[in-house]
Amino acid sequence: MQGAVPWTCSNFTMKEELPSIRVIEIKENDDDTCTIDFETSDSFDKMYLEETGKKRVTKRGLSNFIRDLLMKAYNKEDGYDIRSS
C-alpha cells in the first residue's frame, strides 16, 4: 500500500504486573504466633524498594514490610484489604 502509515505500538502501554504476595504455607507455632512462607512478585519487590528507600531486597526487610501490610489489610487501613485468589 503506497502512502499507508505503518501501525506502531509506540503509544501503547501494557499494564504492569500488579504487586502481589503468594502465601505458600502458614505454620502455627507453640507460642500462639505463626510463621508464613511466601513468594513475592518482581513488581512487589520493586514497590518494596521504592516505598522503603532500601537498596536491596532482604528476607528480614521483606518480612517486616509484609507484616506491616498484613496488619493494615486486617484492619482495613490505608486502602488495604485481604482477598483470596
Protein backbone atom coordinates (compact mmCIF):
# COMPACT_ATOMS: atom_id res chain seq x y z
CA MET A 1 0.00 0.00 0.00
CA GLN A 2 1.67 3.11 -1.14
CA GLY A 3 1.28 6.10 1.17
CA ALA A 4 -0.05 4.00 4.07
CA VAL A 5 1.25 4.84 7.52
CA PRO A 6 2.65 1.76 9.24
CA TRP A 7 0.97 0.92 12.55
CA THR A 8 3.24 1.07 15.58
CA CYS A 9 2.85 0.34 19.27
CA SER A 10 4.83 3.33 20.46
CA ASN A 11 1.80 4.91 22.17
CA PHE A 12 0.50 1.62 23.54
CA THR A 13 1.48 0.76 27.09
CA MET A 14 0.98 -2.66 28.58
CA LYS A 15 -0.40 -2.87 32.08
CA GLU A 16 2.37 -3.58 34.52
CA GLU A 17 2.08 -6.62 36.71
CA LEU A 18 0.35 -5.79 39.99
CA PRO A 19 2.50 -6.23 43.09
CA SER A 20 1.47 -9.49 44.70
CA ILE A 21 2.33 -11.84 47.54
CA ARG A 22 1.65 -15.56 47.27
CA VAL A 23 1.26 -17.34 50.62
CA ILE A 24 2.75 -20.82 50.34
CA GLU A 25 2.28 -22.10 53.87
CA ILE A 26 1.18 -20.90 57.30
CA LYS A 27 2.60 -22.79 60.30
CA GLU A 28 1.24 -22.35 63.80
CA ASN A 29 3.90 -22.03 66.48
CA ASP A 30 3.68 -23.26 70.08
CA ASP A 31 3.67 -19.67 71.39
CA ASP A 32 0.40 -18.77 69.58
CA THR A 33 2.23 -16.99 66.75
CA CYS A 34 2.59 -18.23 63.20
CA THR A 35 5.23 -18.44 60.52
CA ILE A 36 4.21 -17.56 56.98
CA ASP A 37 6.18 -18.79 53.96
CA PHE A 38 5.57 -16.55 50.96
CA GLU A 39 6.75 -15.54 47.50
CA THR A 40 6.70 -12.01 46.11
CA SER A 41 6.41 -10.87 42.51
CA ASP A 42 9.13 -8.76 40.89
CA SER A 43 6.76 -5.79 40.90
CA PHE A 44 6.21 -6.27 44.66
CA ASP A 45 9.97 -6.25 45.23
CA LYS A 46 10.20 -3.05 43.17
CA MET A 47 7.39 -1.47 45.21
CA TYR A 48 9.14 -2.51 48.44
CA LEU A 49 12.37 -0.83 47.37
CA GLU A 50 10.58 2.36 46.30
CA GLU A 51 8.45 2.64 49.45
CA THR A 52 11.23 1.86 51.91
CA GLY A 53 14.12 3.58 50.14
CA LYS A 54 16.20 0.41 50.59
CA LYS A 55 18.84 -0.53 48.02
CA ARG A 56 18.20 -4.28 48.04
CA VAL A 57 15.55 -6.79 48.99
CA THR A 58 16.34 -8.82 52.11
CA LYS A 59 14.38 -11.58 53.81
CA ARG A 60 14.20 -9.68 57.09
CA GLY A 61 13.24 -6.39 55.46
CA LEU A 62 10.52 -8.04 53.38
CA SER A 63 9.21 -9.92 56.42
CA ASN A 64 8.81 -6.72 58.42
CA PHE A 65 7.28 -4.86 55.48
CA ILE A 66 4.79 -7.66 54.78
CA ARG A 67 3.89 -7.97 58.47
CA ASP A 68 3.02 -4.27 58.50
CA LEU A 69 1.00 -4.62 55.27
CA LEU A 70 -0.91 -7.62 56.68
CA MET A 71 -1.81 -5.66 59.79
CA LYS A 72 -3.03 -2.75 57.64
CA ALA A 73 -5.06 -5.16 55.49
CA TYR A 74 -6.51 -6.92 58.54
CA ASN A 75 -7.57 -3.56 59.98
CA LYS A 76 -8.63 -2.27 56.51
CA GLU A 77 -6.34 0.75 56.85
CA ASP A 78 -4.92 2.96 54.08
CA GLY A 79 -6.98 1.18 51.42
CA TYR A 80 -5.50 -2.27 52.12
CA ASP A 81 -7.65 -5.40 52.33
CA ILE A 82 -7.21 -9.18 52.19
CA ARG A 83 -8.68 -11.26 49.41
CA SER A 84 -8.12 -14.81 48.26
CA SER A 85 -7.46 -15.70 44.66
